[in-house]
Amino acid sequence: MDNTTEKSSNSTRDPVNQFGRDTRADIHSAIDRTAEKVQPTADRLASSAHATVDKMAEKVPPTADRLAGAAHTAVDRVADTATHMSEKAATGAKQLGEAYTRFAETGRNYVRTSPATSVLIALAAGYGLSKLLGNRK
């Protein structure tokens, strides 16, 4: 009887664990894709802005060199800010992934320690959602 209960318990945990692994992998993949796209975009924008400033400086009298230098400095600051923001976004996404992992583990532990309460909560949540989302004619 213990083997049957253990097998049943393991078969119930497997989809939950797989869902957690799939979701974690999806979050990490989204973080990586975002980080890969942000930096090249910031670099392209900075290069384009530098080229525009250079073209404008060629058409303006030599006294505009100071303005061109100031514009280059401003563009560099914007590029640095974009880099800093992308690093902050990657850090925040990593923290979000870690928080999800902790939350999922806490949920699994609660279900393992209180299965009856967990089933009742799931039933109540399902009933509530069905009433909220159900079609009424």
N, C-alpha and C. Protein backbone atom coordinates (compact mmCIF):
# COMPACT_ATOMS: atom_id res chain seq x y z
N MET A 1 0.83 -1.20 0.00
CA MET A 1 0.00 0.00 0.00
C MET A 1 0.87 1.25 0.00
N ASP A 2 1.99 1.21 0.66
CA ASP A 2 2.90 2.35 0.68
C ASP A 2 3.47 2.62 -0.70
N ASN A 3 3.76 1.55 -1.47
CA ASN A 3 4.28 1.73 -2.82
C ASN A 3 3.27 2.42 -3.71
N THR A 4 2.00 2.03 -3.61
CA THR A 4 0.95 2.65 -4.41
C THR A 4 0.81 4.12 -4.08
N THR A 5 0.81 4.44 -2.79
CA THR A 5 0.70 5.83 -2.37
C THR A 5 1.90 6.63 -2.84
N GLU A 6 3.09 6.06 -2.74
CA GLU A 6 4.31 6.75 -3.15
C GLU A 6 4.32 6.97 -4.65
N LYS A 7 3.90 5.95 -5.44
CA LYS A 7 3.85 6.09 -6.90
C LYS A 7 2.84 7.16 -7.29
N SER A 8 1.69 7.16 -6.63
CA SER A 8 0.66 8.16 -6.91
C SER A 8 1.16 9.55 -6.58
N SER A 9 1.84 9.67 -5.46
CA SER A 9 2.39 10.96 -5.05
C SER A 9 3.45 11.44 -6.03
N ASN A 10 4.32 10.53 -6.48
CA ASN A 10 5.36 10.89 -7.45
C ASN A 10 4.76 11.28 -8.79
N SER A 11 3.72 10.57 -9.23
CA SER A 11 3.10 10.91 -10.52
C SER A 11 2.40 12.25 -10.45
N THR A 12 1.92 12.65 -9.28
CA THR A 12 1.31 13.95 -9.11
C THR A 12 2.36 15.05 -9.11
N ARG A 13 3.51 14.79 -8.51
CA ARG A 13 4.58 15.79 -8.43
C ARG A 13 5.24 16.03 -9.78
N ASP A 14 5.35 14.99 -10.60
CA ASP A 14 6.08 15.11 -11.86
C ASP A 14 5.54 16.23 -12.75
N PRO A 15 4.24 16.33 -13.02
CA PRO A 15 3.76 17.44 -13.85
C PRO A 15 4.02 18.80 -13.21
N VAL A 16 3.89 18.89 -11.89
CA VAL A 16 4.14 20.16 -11.20
C VAL A 16 5.61 20.54 -11.34
N ASN A 17 6.50 19.58 -11.10
CA ASN A 17 7.93 19.85 -11.23
C ASN A 17 8.28 20.20 -12.67
N GLN A 18 7.70 19.48 -13.63
CA GLN A 18 7.99 19.77 -15.04
C GLN A 18 7.49 21.16 -15.41
N PHE A 19 6.31 21.54 -14.92
CA PHE A 19 5.80 22.88 -15.18
C PHE A 19 6.75 23.93 -14.63
N GLY A 20 7.24 23.71 -13.42
CA GLY A 20 8.19 24.64 -12.82
C GLY A 20 9.47 24.74 -13.62
N ARG A 21 9.98 23.61 -14.08
CA ARG A 21 11.21 23.62 -14.89
C ARG A 21 10.97 24.32 -16.21
N ASP A 22 9.83 24.05 -16.86
CA ASP A 22 9.52 24.68 -18.14
C ASP A 22 9.37 26.19 -17.98
N THR A 23 8.66 26.61 -16.94
CA THR A 23 8.46 28.03 -16.71
C THR A 23 9.79 28.71 -16.41
N ARG A 24 10.61 28.10 -15.58
CA ARG A 24 11.93 28.66 -15.26
C ARG A 24 12.77 28.79 -16.52
N ALA A 25 12.74 27.77 -17.37
CA ALA A 25 13.50 27.81 -18.63
C ALA A 25 12.98 28.92 -19.54
N ASP A 26 11.66 29.09 -19.60
CA ASP A 26 11.08 30.16 -20.42
C ASP A 26 11.51 31.54 -19.92
N ILE A 27 11.51 31.73 -18.61
CA ILE A 27 11.92 33.03 -18.04
C ILE A 27 13.38 33.30 -18.34
N HIS A 28 14.24 32.30 -18.14
CA HIS A 28 15.66 32.49 -18.43
C HIS A 28 15.89 32.77 -19.91
N SER A 29 15.16 32.11 -20.76
CA SER A 29 15.29 32.33 -22.20
C SER A 29 14.87 33.75 -22.56
N ALA A 30 13.79 34.24 -21.97
CA ALA A 30 13.34 35.61 -22.23
C ALA A 30 14.37 36.62 -21.74
N ILE A 31 14.97 36.36 -20.60
CA ILE A 31 16.01 37.25 -20.07
C ILE A 31 17.19 37.30 -21.03
N ASP A 32 17.63 36.16 -21.49
CA ASP A 32 18.77 36.10 -22.40
C ASP A 32 18.47 36.81 -23.71
N ARG A 33 17.28 36.59 -24.28
CA ARG A 33 16.93 37.26 -25.54
C ARG A 33 16.90 38.76 -25.36
N THR A 34 16.35 39.24 -24.24
CA THR A 34 16.27 40.67 -24.00
C THR A 34 17.66 41.27 -23.85
N ALA A 35 18.51 40.62 -23.08
CA ALA A 35 19.87 41.12 -22.88
C ALA A 35 20.64 41.16 -24.19
N GLU A 36 20.43 40.16 -25.05
CA GLU A 36 21.13 40.13 -26.33
C GLU A 36 20.67 41.25 -27.26
N LYS A 37 19.41 41.67 -27.16
CA LYS A 37 18.88 42.68 -28.07
C LYS A 37 19.15 44.09 -27.59
N VAL A 38 19.19 44.33 -26.30
CA VAL A 38 19.31 45.69 -25.77
C VAL A 38 20.67 46.30 -26.10
N GLN A 39 21.73 45.59 -25.82
CA GLN A 39 23.07 46.15 -26.02
C GLN A 39 23.36 46.47 -27.49
N PRO A 40 23.11 45.55 -28.45
CA PRO A 40 23.37 45.91 -29.84
C PRO A 40 22.53 47.10 -30.32
N THR A 41 21.32 47.21 -29.84
CA THR A 41 20.48 48.34 -30.23
C THR A 41 21.07 49.64 -29.70
N ALA A 42 21.51 49.64 -28.46
CA ALA A 42 22.13 50.84 -27.89
C ALA A 42 23.39 51.20 -28.66
N ASP A 43 24.18 50.22 -29.03
CA ASP A 43 25.40 50.48 -29.80
C ASP A 43 25.07 51.06 -31.17
N ARG A 44 24.06 50.51 -31.84
CA ARG A 44 23.66 51.03 -33.16
C ARG A 44 23.18 52.46 -33.05
N LEU A 45 22.37 52.75 -32.02
CA LEU A 45 21.88 54.11 -31.83
C LEU A 45 23.02 55.08 -31.57
N ALA A 46 23.99 54.68 -30.75
CA ALA A 46 25.12 55.54 -30.46
C ALA A 46 25.94 55.80 -31.72
N SER A 47 26.19 54.76 -32.53
CA SER A 47 26.95 54.93 -33.77
C SER A 47 26.23 55.85 -34.74
N SER A 48 24.93 55.66 -34.84
CA SER A 48 24.14 56.50 -35.73
C SER A 48 24.16 57.95 -35.27
N ALA A 49 24.04 58.17 -33.98
CA ALA A 49 24.06 59.54 -33.45
C ALA A 49 25.43 60.17 -33.67
N HIS A 50 26.51 59.40 -33.47
CA HIS A 50 27.85 59.93 -33.73
C HIS A 50 28.00 60.33 -35.20
N ALA A 51 27.53 59.49 -36.10
CA ALA A 51 27.64 59.79 -37.53
C ALA A 51 26.85 61.05 -37.89
N THR A 52 25.68 61.19 -37.31
CA THR A 52 24.86 62.38 -37.58
C THR A 52 25.55 63.63 -37.07
N VAL A 53 26.12 63.56 -35.89
CA VAL A 53 26.84 64.71 -35.33
C VAL A 53 28.03 65.07 -36.22
N ASP A 54 28.75 64.06 -36.69
CA ASP A 54 29.89 64.32 -37.56
C ASP A 54 29.46 64.98 -38.86
N LYS A 55 28.37 64.51 -39.47
CA LYS A 55 27.88 65.12 -40.71
C LYS A 55 27.47 66.56 -40.48
N MET A 56 26.80 66.80 -39.35
CA MET A 56 26.37 68.18 -39.05
C MET A 56 27.59 69.07 -38.81
N ALA A 57 28.61 68.56 -38.16
CA ALA A 57 29.80 69.35 -37.87
C ALA A 57 30.54 69.72 -39.14
N GLU A 58 30.51 68.86 -40.17
CA GLU A 58 31.17 69.15 -41.43
C GLU A 58 30.49 70.31 -42.16
N LYS A 59 29.22 70.48 -41.98
CA LYS A 59 28.47 71.51 -42.69
C LYS A 59 28.43 72.84 -41.95
N VAL A 60 28.85 72.85 -40.70
CA VAL A 60 28.78 74.05 -39.88
C VAL A 60 30.20 74.63 -39.76
N PRO A 61 30.34 75.93 -39.60
CA PRO A 61 31.66 76.55 -39.47
C PRO A 61 32.48 75.93 -38.33
N PRO A 62 33.82 76.14 -38.34
CA PRO A 62 34.71 75.55 -37.34
C PRO A 62 34.33 75.88 -35.89
N THR A 63 33.65 76.96 -35.65
CA THR A 63 33.27 77.27 -34.27
C THR A 63 32.29 76.26 -33.71
N ALA A 64 31.76 75.45 -34.58
CA ALA A 64 30.80 74.44 -34.14
C ALA A 64 31.49 73.20 -33.59
N ASP A 65 32.83 73.18 -33.65
CA ASP A 65 33.55 72.02 -33.12
C ASP A 65 33.24 71.79 -31.65
N ARG A 66 33.11 72.89 -30.92
CA ARG A 66 32.77 72.75 -29.50
C ARG A 66 31.40 72.11 -29.34
N LEU A 67 30.47 72.52 -30.20
CA LEU A 67 29.12 71.94 -30.15
C LEU A 67 29.17 70.45 -30.51
N ALA A 68 29.98 70.12 -31.51
CA ALA A 68 30.09 68.72 -31.90
C ALA A 68 30.67 67.89 -30.76
N GLY A 69 31.69 68.45 -30.08
CA GLY A 69 32.27 67.74 -28.94
C GLY A 69 31.25 67.54 -27.84
N ALA A 70 30.46 68.58 -27.59
CA ALA A 70 29.42 68.47 -26.56
C ALA A 70 28.37 67.43 -26.97
N ALA A 71 28.04 67.42 -28.26
CA ALA A 71 27.05 66.44 -28.74
C ALA A 71 27.61 65.03 -28.60
N HIS A 72 28.89 64.84 -28.94
CA HIS A 72 29.51 63.52 -28.77
C HIS A 72 29.46 63.09 -27.31
N THR A 73 29.75 64.03 -26.42
CA THR A 73 29.72 63.72 -25.00
C THR A 73 28.31 63.31 -24.57
N ALA A 74 27.32 64.04 -25.06
CA ALA A 74 25.94 63.72 -24.72
C ALA A 74 25.55 62.33 -25.24
N VAL A 75 25.96 62.04 -26.47
CA VAL A 75 25.65 60.72 -27.05
C VAL A 75 26.32 59.62 -26.24
N ASP A 76 27.57 59.86 -25.83
CA ASP A 76 28.26 58.86 -25.01
C ASP A 76 27.55 58.63 -23.69
N ARG A 77 27.06 59.72 -23.09
CA ARG A 77 26.33 59.57 -21.82
C ARG A 77 25.05 58.76 -22.02
N VAL A 78 24.35 59.04 -23.13
CA VAL A 78 23.11 58.30 -23.41
C VAL A 78 23.43 56.82 -23.62
N ALA A 79 24.50 56.52 -24.35
CA ALA A 79 24.88 55.14 -24.58
C ALA A 79 25.25 54.46 -23.25
N ASP A 80 25.97 55.17 -22.39
CA ASP A 80 26.33 54.62 -21.09
C ASP A 80 25.08 54.35 -20.25
N THR A 81 24.14 55.28 -20.32
CA THR A 81 22.88 55.11 -19.58
C THR A 81 22.11 53.91 -20.09
N ALA A 82 22.07 53.74 -21.42
CA ALA A 82 21.37 52.58 -21.99
C ALA A 82 22.03 51.28 -21.55
N THR A 83 23.36 51.27 -21.53
CA THR A 83 24.08 50.08 -21.08
C THR A 83 23.76 49.79 -19.62
N HIS A 84 23.78 50.84 -18.80
CA HIS A 84 23.48 50.68 -17.38
C HIS A 84 22.05 50.15 -17.18
N MET A 85 21.11 50.70 -17.95
CA MET A 85 19.72 50.26 -17.82
C MET A 85 19.56 48.80 -18.25
N SER A 86 20.28 48.39 -19.31
CA SER A 86 20.17 46.99 -19.74
C SER A 86 20.75 46.06 -18.67
N GLU A 87 21.83 46.50 -18.02
CA GLU A 87 22.40 45.69 -16.95
C GLU A 87 21.43 45.60 -15.77
N LYS A 88 20.76 46.72 -15.45
CA LYS A 88 19.78 46.70 -14.36
C LYS A 88 18.60 45.79 -14.70
N ALA A 89 18.18 45.83 -15.98
CA ALA A 89 17.07 44.98 -16.40
C ALA A 89 17.45 43.51 -16.30
N ALA A 90 18.67 43.18 -16.70
CA ALA A 90 19.13 41.78 -16.60
C ALA A 90 19.20 41.35 -15.14
N THR A 91 19.68 42.23 -14.26
CA THR A 91 19.74 41.92 -12.84
C THR A 91 18.34 41.73 -12.26
N GLY A 92 17.42 42.63 -12.63
CA GLY A 92 16.04 42.51 -12.15
C GLY A 92 15.38 41.23 -12.64
N ALA A 93 15.64 40.88 -13.89
CA ALA A 93 15.06 39.65 -14.42
C ALA A 93 15.62 38.43 -13.70
N LYS A 94 16.91 38.47 -13.39
CA LYS A 94 17.52 37.35 -12.66
C LYS A 94 16.89 37.24 -11.27
N GLN A 95 16.69 38.37 -10.60
CA GLN A 95 16.06 38.36 -9.28
C GLN A 95 14.63 37.83 -9.37
N LEU A 96 13.92 38.20 -10.44
CA LEU A 96 12.56 37.72 -10.63
C LEU A 96 12.56 36.20 -10.80
N GLY A 97 13.51 35.67 -11.55
CA GLY A 97 13.62 34.23 -11.73
C GLY A 97 13.90 33.52 -10.42
N GLU A 98 14.77 34.11 -9.61
CA GLU A 98 15.08 33.51 -8.30
C GLU A 98 13.86 33.57 -7.38
N ALA A 99 13.12 34.67 -7.43
CA ALA A 99 11.92 34.78 -6.61
C ALA A 99 10.88 33.74 -7.04
N TYR A 100 10.75 33.53 -8.35
CA TYR A 100 9.82 32.52 -8.84
C TYR A 100 10.22 31.14 -8.32
N THR A 101 11.51 30.85 -8.36
CA THR A 101 12.00 29.55 -7.89
C THR A 101 11.66 29.35 -6.41
N ARG A 102 11.89 30.38 -5.60
CA ARG A 102 11.56 30.28 -4.18
C ARG A 102 10.07 30.10 -3.98
N PHE A 103 9.26 30.87 -4.73
CA PHE A 103 7.81 30.78 -4.62
C PHE A 103 7.31 29.39 -5.00
N ALA A 104 7.84 28.84 -6.08
CA ALA A 104 7.42 27.51 -6.53
C ALA A 104 7.80 26.45 -5.50
N GLU A 105 8.98 26.56 -4.93
CA GLU A 105 9.42 25.59 -3.92
C GLU A 105 8.55 25.69 -2.66
N THR A 106 8.22 26.91 -2.26
CA THR A 106 7.36 27.09 -1.09
C THR A 106 5.98 26.46 -1.35
N GLY A 107 5.45 26.66 -2.55
CA GLY A 107 4.17 26.06 -2.90
C GLY A 107 4.21 24.54 -2.88
N ARG A 108 5.28 23.99 -3.46
CA ARG A 108 5.42 22.53 -3.45
C ARG A 108 5.49 21.99 -2.03
N ASN A 109 6.26 22.66 -1.18
CA ASN A 109 6.38 22.22 0.22
C ASN A 109 5.04 22.28 0.93
N TYR A 110 4.26 23.34 0.67
CA TYR A 110 2.95 23.46 1.30
C TYR A 110 2.04 22.32 0.86
N VAL A 111 2.05 22.02 -0.43
CA VAL A 111 1.20 20.95 -0.94
C VAL A 111 1.62 19.62 -0.34
N ARG A 112 2.91 19.40 -0.17
CA ARG A 112 3.39 18.14 0.42
C ARG A 112 3.00 18.02 1.88
N THR A 113 3.01 19.13 2.62
CA THR A 113 2.69 19.06 4.05
C THR A 113 1.19 19.13 4.32
N SER A 114 0.43 19.74 3.44
CA SER A 114 -1.02 19.88 3.65
C SER A 114 -1.77 19.55 2.37
N PRO A 115 -1.80 18.30 1.96
CA PRO A 115 -2.44 17.97 0.69
C PRO A 115 -3.96 18.21 0.69
N ALA A 116 -4.62 17.91 1.79
CA ALA A 116 -6.08 18.07 1.82
C ALA A 116 -6.45 19.55 1.72
N THR A 117 -5.78 20.38 2.46
CA THR A 117 -6.04 21.82 2.40
C THR A 117 -5.74 22.35 1.00
N SER A 118 -4.68 21.86 0.40
CA SER A 118 -4.30 22.30 -0.94
C SER A 118 -5.37 21.96 -1.96
N VAL A 119 -5.92 20.76 -1.86
CA VAL A 119 -6.98 20.34 -2.78
C VAL A 119 -8.22 21.21 -2.59
N LEU A 120 -8.58 21.49 -1.34
CA LEU A 120 -9.75 22.34 -1.08
C LEU A 120 -9.54 23.75 -1.63
N ILE A 121 -8.35 24.29 -1.45
CA ILE A 121 -8.05 25.63 -1.98
C ILE A 121 -8.13 25.62 -3.51
N ALA A 122 -7.58 24.57 -4.13
CA ALA A 122 -7.62 24.47 -5.60
C ALA A 122 -9.06 24.36 -6.09
N LEU A 123 -9.87 23.58 -5.41
CA LEU A 123 -11.29 23.47 -5.79
C LEU A 123 -12.00 24.81 -5.66
N ALA A 124 -11.77 25.51 -4.56
CA ALA A 124 -12.42 26.81 -4.36
C ALA A 124 -11.95 27.82 -5.43
N ALA A 125 -10.67 27.82 -5.73
CA ALA A 125 -10.16 28.73 -6.75
C ALA A 125 -10.75 28.40 -8.12
N GLY A 126 -10.83 27.12 -8.44
CA GLY A 126 -11.42 26.70 -9.72
C GLY A 126 -12.88 27.09 -9.81
N TYR A 127 -13.62 26.90 -8.73
CA TYR A 127 -15.04 27.27 -8.72
C TYR A 127 -15.20 28.78 -8.90
N GLY A 128 -14.38 29.54 -8.17
CA GLY A 128 -14.44 31.00 -8.28
C GLY A 128 -14.12 31.48 -9.68
N LEU A 129 -13.08 30.91 -10.28
CA LEU A 129 -12.71 31.29 -11.65
C LEU A 129 -13.80 30.91 -12.65
N SER A 130 -14.42 29.75 -12.45
CA SER A 130 -15.48 29.34 -13.37
C SER A 130 -16.66 30.30 -13.28
N LYS A 131 -16.96 30.82 -12.09
CA LYS A 131 -18.06 31.77 -11.94
C LYS A 131 -17.70 33.12 -12.55
N LEU A 132 -16.45 33.52 -12.40
CA LEU A 132 -16.01 34.81 -12.96
C LEU A 132 -15.92 34.77 -14.48
N LEU A 133 -15.43 33.68 -15.01
CA LEU A 133 -15.16 33.60 -16.44
C LEU A 133 -16.25 32.88 -17.22
N GLY A 134 -17.22 32.31 -16.53
CA GLY A 134 -18.28 31.55 -17.20
C GLY A 134 -19.20 32.45 -18.00
N ASN A 135 -19.76 31.88 -19.07
CA ASN A 135 -20.70 32.63 -19.91
C ASN A 135 -22.07 32.67 -19.26
N ARG A 136 -22.63 33.85 -19.23
CA ARG A 136 -23.98 33.99 -18.68
C ARG A 136 -24.87 34.54 -19.78
N LYS A 137 -25.97 33.86 -20.03
CA LYS A 137 -26.89 34.27 -21.11
C LYS A 137 -28.18 34.78 -20.55
